Amino acid sequence: MDPARNWGATAAERAAPYPCDSHGAPGAVAYFRAVGIAASPPTVFRWLCQLKVAPYSYDLLDNRGRRSPRELTPGVQRLERGQPFLVFSLADFAADDHLTGVSLPAATRVFGPLAITYAVRAAGPTTRLVVKMLVGRSGPIGGLRRLLLGWGDVVMMRKQLLTLKELAEG
């Protein structure tokens, strides 16, 4: 499998259904990212809700140099459909299970249509945080855009997941 299309996800995780599957554009390509975390699903999910506040990736690049918070923000776990998180609008969620989003209009113009699920899965004494992102093709350069997005995303999301892991294990 193309390394830009998978970082850390198992074959079983890649084969599983995700809520974003019903929000993806026809012909969308799936990208997977995953990490094991030594924390409970509720703890991991609570840190996942922090994506409403900051990206938790390379802050100099994607947070205008501001450091993503290292403490939980009170109230951020109160979720509603339509709330923005990262470059997405919250399309669906289940507490301690998943956040699913679709790209905001500005992001769609830049990246093409996107749908994403951040899934929290118990795995014995640990938790797996598995991300599936569906990247649609749009416009005459859609294929190139999708290729470049995959490689850029694997770098940025790897950092994001490792940061969330560190904070959840805290």
N, C-alpha and C. Protein backbone atom coordinates (compact mmCIF):
# COMPACT_ATOMS: atom_id res chain seq x y z
N MET A 1 0.84 -1.19 0.00
CA MET A 1 0.00 0.00 0.00
C MET A 1 0.88 1.24 0.00
N ASP A 2 0.47 2.26 -0.72
CA ASP A 2 1.15 3.54 -0.79
C ASP A 2 1.33 4.10 0.63
N PRO A 3 2.56 4.43 1.04
CA PRO A 3 2.79 4.94 2.40
C PRO A 3 2.01 6.22 2.72
N ALA A 4 1.67 7.00 1.73
CA ALA A 4 0.87 8.20 1.98
C ALA A 4 -0.58 7.85 2.31
N ARG A 5 -1.00 6.64 1.94
CA ARG A 5 -2.39 6.25 2.18
C ARG A 5 -2.58 5.53 3.50
N ASN A 6 -1.50 5.09 4.14
CA ASN A 6 -1.63 4.41 5.41
C ASN A 6 -0.42 4.67 6.29
N TRP A 7 -0.68 5.09 7.51
CA TRP A 7 0.34 5.18 8.54
C TRP A 7 -0.26 4.59 9.81
N GLY A 8 0.21 3.41 10.18
CA GLY A 8 -0.14 2.82 11.46
C GLY A 8 -1.41 1.99 11.54
N ALA A 9 -2.27 2.03 10.54
CA ALA A 9 -3.53 1.28 10.60
C ALA A 9 -3.32 -0.16 10.17
N THR A 10 -3.97 -1.07 10.86
CA THR A 10 -3.89 -2.49 10.52
C THR A 10 -4.81 -2.80 9.35
N ALA A 11 -4.63 -3.97 8.77
CA ALA A 11 -5.52 -4.40 7.67
C ALA A 11 -6.96 -4.45 8.14
N ALA A 12 -7.20 -4.93 9.36
CA ALA A 12 -8.57 -4.99 9.89
C ALA A 12 -9.15 -3.60 10.07
N GLU A 13 -8.34 -2.66 10.52
CA GLU A 13 -8.82 -1.28 10.68
C GLU A 13 -9.14 -0.66 9.32
N ARG A 14 -8.34 -0.97 8.32
CA ARG A 14 -8.60 -0.42 6.98
C ARG A 14 -9.85 -1.04 6.36
N ALA A 15 -10.18 -2.27 6.72
CA ALA A 15 -11.34 -2.95 6.15
C ALA A 15 -12.65 -2.61 6.86
N ALA A 16 -12.56 -2.04 8.05
CA ALA A 16 -13.75 -1.76 8.86
C ALA A 16 -14.56 -0.60 8.27
N PRO A 17 -15.87 -0.58 8.51
CA PRO A 17 -16.68 0.57 8.10
C PRO A 17 -16.51 1.72 9.09
N TYR A 18 -16.64 2.94 8.59
CA TYR A 18 -16.53 4.15 9.41
C TYR A 18 -17.67 5.09 9.05
N PRO A 19 -18.09 5.93 9.99
CA PRO A 19 -19.18 6.86 9.70
C PRO A 19 -18.92 7.79 8.51
N CYS A 20 -17.66 8.13 8.24
CA CYS A 20 -17.37 9.02 7.11
C CYS A 20 -17.71 8.37 5.77
N ASP A 21 -17.84 7.05 5.75
CA ASP A 21 -18.15 6.35 4.49
C ASP A 21 -19.44 6.88 3.86
N SER A 22 -20.38 7.30 4.68
CA SER A 22 -21.65 7.80 4.13
C SER A 22 -21.59 9.28 3.76
N HIS A 23 -20.45 9.92 4.00
CA HIS A 23 -20.30 11.35 3.68
C HIS A 23 -19.28 11.61 2.57
N GLY A 24 -18.58 10.58 2.12
CA GLY A 24 -17.53 10.77 1.12
C GLY A 24 -18.07 10.96 -0.28
N ALA A 25 -17.32 11.66 -1.10
CA ALA A 25 -17.69 11.88 -2.50
C ALA A 25 -17.51 10.58 -3.28
N PRO A 26 -18.32 10.36 -4.32
CA PRO A 26 -18.13 9.17 -5.16
C PRO A 26 -16.70 9.13 -5.71
N GLY A 27 -16.10 7.97 -5.65
CA GLY A 27 -14.74 7.81 -6.16
C GLY A 27 -13.66 8.33 -5.23
N ALA A 28 -14.01 8.67 -4.00
CA ALA A 28 -13.03 9.19 -3.05
C ALA A 28 -11.99 8.12 -2.72
N VAL A 29 -10.78 8.58 -2.45
CA VAL A 29 -9.68 7.70 -2.04
C VAL A 29 -9.57 7.76 -0.52
N ALA A 30 -9.36 6.60 0.11
CA ALA A 30 -9.26 6.53 1.56
C ALA A 30 -7.81 6.62 2.03
N TYR A 31 -7.60 7.43 3.05
CA TYR A 31 -6.31 7.56 3.72
C TYR A 31 -6.53 7.17 5.18
N PHE A 32 -5.61 6.38 5.74
CA PHE A 32 -5.72 5.92 7.12
C PHE A 32 -4.50 6.33 7.91
N ARG A 33 -4.75 6.71 9.17
CA ARG A 33 -3.69 7.00 10.13
C ARG A 33 -4.16 6.39 11.45
N ALA A 34 -3.26 5.81 12.23
CA ALA A 34 -3.66 5.20 13.49
C ALA A 34 -2.49 5.14 14.46
N VAL A 35 -2.85 5.13 15.74
CA VAL A 35 -1.85 5.05 16.80
C VAL A 35 -2.48 4.36 18.00
N GLY A 36 -1.66 3.58 18.71
CA GLY A 36 -2.09 2.98 19.97
C GLY A 36 -1.78 3.93 21.11
N ILE A 37 -2.70 4.02 22.07
CA ILE A 37 -2.55 4.96 23.18
C ILE A 37 -2.81 4.23 24.49
N ALA A 38 -1.92 4.38 25.44
CA ALA A 38 -2.06 3.75 26.76
C ALA A 38 -2.95 4.63 27.64
N ALA A 39 -4.22 4.71 27.27
CA ALA A 39 -5.21 5.48 28.02
C ALA A 39 -6.58 4.91 27.67
N SER A 40 -7.57 5.20 28.49
CA SER A 40 -8.92 4.68 28.27
C SER A 40 -9.60 5.40 27.09
N PRO A 41 -10.57 4.75 26.45
CA PRO A 41 -11.31 5.42 25.37
C PRO A 41 -11.91 6.77 25.79
N PRO A 42 -12.52 6.91 26.98
CA PRO A 42 -13.04 8.23 27.35
C PRO A 42 -11.95 9.31 27.43
N THR A 43 -10.77 8.94 27.92
CA THR A 43 -9.67 9.90 27.99
C THR A 43 -9.21 10.30 26.60
N VAL A 44 -9.05 9.33 25.72
CA VAL A 44 -8.63 9.62 24.35
C VAL A 44 -9.69 10.48 23.65
N PHE A 45 -10.96 10.13 23.82
CA PHE A 45 -12.02 10.90 23.18
C PHE A 45 -12.03 12.34 23.69
N ARG A 46 -11.80 12.53 24.98
CA ARG A 46 -11.80 13.88 25.54
C ARG A 46 -10.69 14.72 24.91
N TRP A 47 -9.52 14.11 24.69
CA TRP A 47 -8.45 14.85 24.01
C TRP A 47 -8.79 15.07 22.55
N LEU A 48 -9.47 14.13 21.94
CA LEU A 48 -9.89 14.28 20.55
C LEU A 48 -10.80 15.50 20.40
N CYS A 49 -11.66 15.74 21.37
CA CYS A 49 -12.53 16.92 21.33
C CYS A 49 -11.74 18.22 21.30
N GLN A 50 -10.50 18.19 21.75
CA GLN A 50 -9.66 19.38 21.72
C GLN A 50 -9.38 19.86 20.29
N LEU A 51 -9.64 19.01 19.29
CA LEU A 51 -9.44 19.44 17.90
C LEU A 51 -10.39 20.57 17.52
N LYS A 52 -11.39 20.84 18.34
CA LYS A 52 -12.23 22.02 18.14
C LYS A 52 -11.48 23.30 18.50
N VAL A 53 -10.41 23.15 19.28
CA VAL A 53 -9.67 24.29 19.80
C VAL A 53 -8.39 24.55 19.02
N ALA A 54 -7.69 23.48 18.65
CA ALA A 54 -6.38 23.62 18.02
C ALA A 54 -6.05 22.36 17.23
N PRO A 55 -5.07 22.45 16.31
CA PRO A 55 -4.75 21.31 15.45
C PRO A 55 -3.84 20.25 16.07
N TYR A 56 -3.04 20.60 17.08
CA TYR A 56 -2.15 19.63 17.72
C TYR A 56 -1.17 18.98 16.75
N SER A 57 -0.72 19.75 15.78
CA SER A 57 0.25 19.24 14.81
C SER A 57 1.48 20.13 14.89
N TYR A 58 1.95 20.59 13.77
CA TYR A 58 3.07 21.52 13.75
C TYR A 58 2.49 22.92 13.87
N ASP A 59 2.46 23.43 15.10
CA ASP A 59 1.75 24.68 15.39
C ASP A 59 2.28 25.87 14.60
N LEU A 60 3.55 25.88 14.29
CA LEU A 60 4.11 26.99 13.52
C LEU A 60 3.44 27.07 12.14
N LEU A 61 3.16 25.91 11.56
CA LEU A 61 2.55 25.86 10.23
C LEU A 61 1.04 26.01 10.25
N ASP A 62 0.38 25.29 11.15
CA ASP A 62 -1.08 25.23 11.04
C ASP A 62 -1.83 25.86 12.21
N ASN A 63 -1.13 26.57 13.08
CA ASN A 63 -1.81 27.26 14.18
C ASN A 63 -1.23 28.65 14.38
N ARG A 64 -0.68 29.21 13.32
CA ARG A 64 -0.12 30.56 13.32
C ARG A 64 0.90 30.77 14.44
N GLY A 65 1.64 29.70 14.75
CA GLY A 65 2.68 29.79 15.76
C GLY A 65 2.21 29.66 17.19
N ARG A 66 0.90 29.64 17.41
CA ARG A 66 0.38 29.48 18.78
C ARG A 66 0.46 28.00 19.17
N ARG A 67 0.89 27.74 20.38
CA ARG A 67 0.99 26.35 20.84
C ARG A 67 -0.40 25.80 21.15
N SER A 68 -0.67 24.61 20.66
CA SER A 68 -1.92 23.93 20.99
C SER A 68 -1.94 23.69 22.50
N PRO A 69 -3.10 23.89 23.15
CA PRO A 69 -3.18 23.75 24.61
C PRO A 69 -2.73 22.38 25.10
N ARG A 70 -2.02 22.39 26.22
CA ARG A 70 -1.55 21.15 26.84
C ARG A 70 -2.43 20.75 28.02
N GLU A 71 -3.48 21.50 28.25
CA GLU A 71 -4.48 21.18 29.27
C GLU A 71 -5.84 21.16 28.59
N LEU A 72 -6.74 20.34 29.13
CA LEU A 72 -8.08 20.23 28.55
C LEU A 72 -8.84 21.54 28.71
N THR A 73 -9.53 21.94 27.66
CA THR A 73 -10.34 23.14 27.66
C THR A 73 -11.73 22.80 28.20
N PRO A 74 -12.17 23.45 29.28
CA PRO A 74 -13.49 23.14 29.83
C PRO A 74 -14.61 23.35 28.80
N GLY A 75 -15.53 22.40 28.75
CA GLY A 75 -16.71 22.52 27.90
C GLY A 75 -16.54 22.10 26.46
N VAL A 76 -15.31 21.88 26.02
CA VAL A 76 -15.09 21.57 24.60
C VAL A 76 -15.66 20.21 24.21
N GLN A 77 -15.94 19.37 25.18
CA GLN A 77 -16.51 18.05 24.89
C GLN A 77 -18.01 18.13 24.58
N ARG A 78 -18.63 19.29 24.75
CA ARG A 78 -20.04 19.44 24.37
C ARG A 78 -20.09 19.62 22.85
N LEU A 79 -20.61 18.62 22.19
CA LEU A 79 -20.58 18.57 20.73
C LEU A 79 -21.96 18.81 20.14
N GLU A 80 -21.98 19.45 18.98
CA GLU A 80 -23.20 19.64 18.20
C GLU A 80 -22.85 19.52 16.73
N ARG A 81 -23.74 18.92 15.99
CA ARG A 81 -23.54 18.85 14.54
C ARG A 81 -23.40 20.27 13.99
N GLY A 82 -22.49 20.42 13.04
CA GLY A 82 -22.25 21.72 12.43
C GLY A 82 -21.12 22.51 13.07
N GLN A 83 -20.65 22.10 14.24
CA GLN A 83 -19.53 22.80 14.87
C GLN A 83 -18.28 22.61 14.03
N PRO A 84 -17.47 23.65 13.91
CA PRO A 84 -16.21 23.49 13.20
C PRO A 84 -15.16 22.80 14.06
N PHE A 85 -14.36 21.96 13.42
CA PHE A 85 -13.14 21.43 14.03
C PHE A 85 -12.15 21.24 12.90
N LEU A 86 -10.96 21.79 13.11
CA LEU A 86 -9.94 21.81 12.07
C LEU A 86 -10.52 22.43 10.80
N VAL A 87 -10.47 21.74 9.67
CA VAL A 87 -11.03 22.26 8.41
C VAL A 87 -12.35 21.59 8.09
N PHE A 88 -13.01 21.06 9.13
CA PHE A 88 -14.23 20.28 8.96
C PHE A 88 -15.39 20.87 9.74
N SER A 89 -16.57 20.46 9.34
CA SER A 89 -17.80 20.71 10.09
C SER A 89 -18.22 19.37 10.67
N LEU A 90 -18.55 19.35 11.95
CA LEU A 90 -18.94 18.10 12.61
C LEU A 90 -20.25 17.59 12.01
N ALA A 91 -20.18 16.45 11.34
CA ALA A 91 -21.35 15.87 10.68
C ALA A 91 -22.03 14.82 11.55
N ASP A 92 -21.26 14.16 12.40
CA ASP A 92 -21.79 13.09 13.24
C ASP A 92 -20.79 12.85 14.37
N PHE A 93 -21.28 12.32 15.48
CA PHE A 93 -20.40 11.98 16.59
C PHE A 93 -21.12 11.02 17.52
N ALA A 94 -20.35 10.30 18.29
CA ALA A 94 -20.85 9.46 19.37
C ALA A 94 -19.81 9.55 20.48
N ALA A 95 -20.26 9.91 21.67
CA ALA A 95 -19.34 10.11 22.79
C ALA A 95 -18.48 8.87 23.01
N ASP A 96 -17.21 9.10 23.22
CA ASP A 96 -16.22 8.06 23.47
C ASP A 96 -16.05 7.09 22.30
N ASP A 97 -16.56 7.44 21.12
CA ASP A 97 -16.49 6.55 19.97
C ASP A 97 -15.91 7.21 18.72
N HIS A 98 -16.48 8.32 18.28
CA HIS A 98 -15.97 8.93 17.04
C HIS A 98 -16.40 10.38 16.88
N LEU A 99 -15.62 11.10 16.10
CA LEU A 99 -15.97 12.40 15.53
C LEU A 99 -15.89 12.23 14.03
N THR A 100 -16.91 12.69 13.32
CA THR A 100 -16.93 12.59 11.86
C THR A 100 -17.25 13.97 11.29
N GLY A 101 -16.48 14.37 10.30
CA GLY A 101 -16.68 15.69 9.71
C GLY A 101 -16.62 15.67 8.20
N VAL A 102 -17.13 16.75 7.65
CA VAL A 102 -17.03 17.01 6.20
C VAL A 102 -16.34 18.35 6.04
N SER A 103 -15.62 18.51 4.96
CA SER A 103 -14.83 19.73 4.77
C SER A 103 -15.72 20.96 4.69
N LEU A 104 -15.23 22.02 5.33
CA LEU A 104 -15.88 23.32 5.23
C LEU A 104 -15.69 23.84 3.80
N PRO A 105 -16.54 24.75 3.34
CA PRO A 105 -16.43 25.24 1.96
C PRO A 105 -15.03 25.75 1.58
N ALA A 106 -14.39 26.50 2.47
CA ALA A 106 -13.05 27.01 2.14
C ALA A 106 -12.06 25.87 1.97
N ALA A 107 -12.15 24.85 2.80
CA ALA A 107 -11.26 23.70 2.68
C ALA A 107 -11.55 22.91 1.42
N THR A 108 -12.82 22.80 1.06
CA THR A 108 -13.18 22.08 -0.17
C THR A 108 -12.58 22.77 -1.39
N ARG A 109 -12.57 24.10 -1.37
CA ARG A 109 -11.97 24.82 -2.50
C ARG A 109 -10.48 24.53 -2.63
N VAL A 110 -9.80 24.37 -1.51
CA VAL A 110 -8.35 24.14 -1.52
C VAL A 110 -8.01 22.67 -1.73
N PHE A 111 -8.68 21.78 -1.00
CA PHE A 111 -8.31 20.36 -0.98
C PHE A 111 -9.24 19.45 -1.77
N GLY A 112 -10.38 19.95 -2.21
CA GLY A 112 -11.40 19.09 -2.78
C GLY A 112 -12.29 18.58 -1.65
N PRO A 113 -13.32 17.82 -1.98
CA PRO A 113 -14.24 17.34 -0.95
C PRO A 113 -13.58 16.30 -0.04
N LEU A 114 -13.74 16.51 1.27
CA LEU A 114 -13.16 15.62 2.27
C LEU A 114 -14.23 15.16 3.25
N ALA A 115 -14.10 13.94 3.71
CA ALA A 115 -14.89 13.43 4.83
C ALA A 115 -13.92 12.67 5.72
N ILE A 116 -14.10 12.78 7.03
CA ILE A 116 -13.13 12.19 7.96
C ILE A 116 -13.82 11.64 9.19
N THR A 117 -13.30 10.54 9.69
CA THR A 117 -13.71 10.01 10.98
C THR A 117 -12.48 9.78 11.83
N TYR A 118 -12.52 10.31 13.04
CA TYR A 118 -11.55 9.99 14.08
C TYR A 118 -12.26 8.98 14.98
N ALA A 119 -11.84 7.72 14.95
CA ALA A 119 -12.51 6.66 15.69
C ALA A 119 -11.66 6.23 16.89
N VAL A 120 -12.31 6.08 18.03
CA VAL A 120 -11.68 5.65 19.27
C VAL A 120 -12.11 4.20 19.51
N ARG A 121 -11.14 3.28 19.57
CA ARG A 121 -11.46 1.86 19.70
C ARG A 121 -10.66 1.23 20.84
N ALA A 122 -11.38 0.59 21.76
CA ALA A 122 -10.71 -0.15 22.84
C ALA A 122 -9.93 -1.30 22.21
N ALA A 123 -8.73 -1.51 22.71
CA ALA A 123 -7.87 -2.59 22.21
C ALA A 123 -7.14 -3.20 23.39
N GLY A 124 -7.86 -4.02 24.14
CA GLY A 124 -7.27 -4.60 25.35
C GLY A 124 -7.02 -3.51 26.37
N PRO A 125 -5.81 -3.44 26.90
CA PRO A 125 -5.52 -2.42 27.91
C PRO A 125 -5.23 -1.03 27.30
N THR A 126 -5.22 -0.94 26.00
CA THR A 126 -4.94 0.34 25.34
C THR A 126 -6.13 0.76 24.49
N THR A 127 -5.97 1.88 23.83
CA THR A 127 -6.99 2.40 22.92
C THR A 127 -6.33 2.68 21.59
N ARG A 128 -7.02 2.37 20.52
CA ARG A 128 -6.55 2.72 19.18
C ARG A 128 -7.30 3.97 18.73
N LEU A 129 -6.57 4.94 18.25
CA LEU A 129 -7.16 6.11 17.61
C LEU A 129 -6.91 5.93 16.12
N VAL A 130 -7.98 5.69 15.38
CA VAL A 130 -7.90 5.39 13.96
C VAL A 130 -8.60 6.50 13.19
N VAL A 131 -7.92 7.03 12.19
CA VAL A 131 -8.49 8.08 11.36
C VAL A 131 -8.65 7.55 9.94
N LYS A 132 -9.84 7.74 9.41
CA LYS A 132 -10.07 7.46 7.99
C LYS A 132 -10.50 8.77 7.35
N MET A 133 -9.79 9.16 6.30
CA MET A 133 -10.14 10.37 5.57
C MET A 133 -10.41 9.99 4.12
N LEU A 134 -11.55 10.42 3.63
CA LEU A 134 -11.91 10.20 2.23
C LEU A 134 -11.66 11.49 1.46
N VAL A 135 -10.85 11.39 0.44
CA VAL A 135 -10.46 12.55 -0.36
C VAL A 135 -11.05 12.39 -1.75
N GLY A 136 -11.98 13.28 -2.08
CA GLY A 136 -12.61 13.25 -3.39
C GLY A 136 -11.76 13.97 -4.42
N ARG A 137 -12.08 13.72 -5.64
CA ARG A 137 -11.37 14.37 -6.75
C ARG A 137 -12.26 15.47 -7.29
N SER A 138 -11.69 16.63 -7.48
CA SER A 138 -12.47 17.73 -8.05
C SER A 138 -11.58 18.58 -8.93
N GLY A 139 -12.13 19.02 -10.02
CA GLY A 139 -11.40 19.90 -10.91
C GLY A 139 -10.36 19.20 -11.75
N PRO A 140 -9.75 19.95 -12.67
CA PRO A 140 -8.79 19.36 -13.60
C PRO A 140 -7.49 18.89 -12.94
N ILE A 141 -7.17 19.43 -11.77
CA ILE A 141 -5.94 18.98 -11.09
C ILE A 141 -6.27 18.15 -9.85
N GLY A 142 -7.47 17.61 -9.79
CA GLY A 142 -7.91 16.86 -8.61
C GLY A 142 -7.02 15.70 -8.26
N GLY A 143 -6.56 14.95 -9.25
CA GLY A 143 -5.70 13.80 -8.98
C GLY A 143 -4.38 14.22 -8.37
N LEU A 144 -3.78 15.27 -8.92
CA LEU A 144 -2.52 15.78 -8.38
C LEU A 144 -2.73 16.33 -6.97
N ARG A 145 -3.81 17.06 -6.79
CA ARG A 145 -4.12 17.63 -5.48
C ARG A 145 -4.27 16.51 -4.44
N ARG A 146 -4.94 15.44 -4.83
CA ARG A 146 -5.16 14.31 -3.92
C ARG A 146 -3.83 13.65 -3.55
N LEU A 147 -2.94 13.50 -4.51
CA LEU A 147 -1.62 12.91 -4.27
C LEU A 147 -0.82 13.77 -3.29
N LEU A 148 -0.77 15.07 -3.55
CA LEU A 148 -0.01 15.98 -2.69
C LEU A 148 -0.61 16.06 -1.30
N LEU A 149 -1.93 16.07 -1.23
CA LEU A 149 -2.60 16.12 0.07
C LEU A 149 -2.24 14.88 0.90
N GLY A 150 -2.21 13.73 0.27
CA GLY A 150 -1.88 12.50 0.99
C GLY A 150 -0.52 12.57 1.65
N TRP A 151 0.48 13.04 0.91
CA TRP A 151 1.83 13.11 1.47
C TRP A 151 1.95 14.19 2.53
N GLY A 152 1.33 15.34 2.31
CA GLY A 152 1.36 16.39 3.33
C GLY A 152 0.61 15.97 4.58
N ASP A 153 -0.53 15.32 4.38
CA ASP A 153 -1.35 14.91 5.51
C ASP A 153 -0.68 13.85 6.36
N VAL A 154 0.02 12.91 5.74
CA VAL A 154 0.66 11.86 6.54
C VAL A 154 1.68 12.48 7.50
N VAL A 155 2.37 13.51 7.10
CA VAL A 155 3.33 14.19 7.97
C VAL A 155 2.61 14.94 9.08
N MET A 156 1.60 15.74 8.71
CA MET A 156 0.90 16.57 9.69
C MET A 156 0.07 15.72 10.65
N MET A 157 -0.66 14.75 10.13
CA MET A 157 -1.53 13.96 11.01
C MET A 157 -0.72 13.01 11.89
N ARG A 158 0.39 12.53 11.41
CA ARG A 158 1.26 11.70 12.26
C ARG A 158 1.64 12.50 13.49
N LYS A 159 2.07 13.73 13.29
CA LYS A 159 2.43 14.61 14.41
C LYS A 159 1.22 14.84 15.31
N GLN A 160 0.06 15.08 14.72
CA GLN A 160 -1.16 15.31 15.49
C GLN A 160 -1.49 14.11 16.38
N LEU A 161 -1.49 12.93 15.80
CA LEU A 161 -1.84 11.73 16.56
C LEU A 161 -0.82 11.44 17.65
N LEU A 162 0.45 11.64 17.36
CA LEU A 162 1.47 11.41 18.37
C LEU A 162 1.38 12.44 19.50
N THR A 163 1.00 13.67 19.18
CA THR A 163 0.80 14.68 20.22
C THR A 163 -0.40 14.33 21.09
N LEU A 164 -1.51 13.94 20.47
CA LEU A 164 -2.69 13.54 21.24
C LEU A 164 -2.38 12.32 22.12
N LYS A 165 -1.60 11.40 21.59
CA LYS A 165 -1.17 10.22 22.36
C LYS A 165 -0.40 10.66 23.60
N GLU A 166 0.58 11.51 23.41
CA GLU A 166 1.40 11.99 24.52
C GLU A 166 0.54 12.67 25.59
N LEU A 167 -0.38 13.50 25.17
CA LEU A 167 -1.23 14.22 26.12
C LEU A 167 -2.20 13.29 26.83
N ALA A 168 -2.79 12.35 26.11
CA ALA A 168 -3.74 11.42 26.73
C ALA A 168 -3.04 10.48 27.71
N GLU A 169 -1.82 10.11 27.39
CA GLU A 169 -1.07 9.23 28.29
C GLU A 169 -0.52 9.99 29.49
N GLY A 170 -0.42 11.33 29.33
CA GLY A 170 0.07 12.29 30.29
C GLY A 170 0.29 11.86 31.66
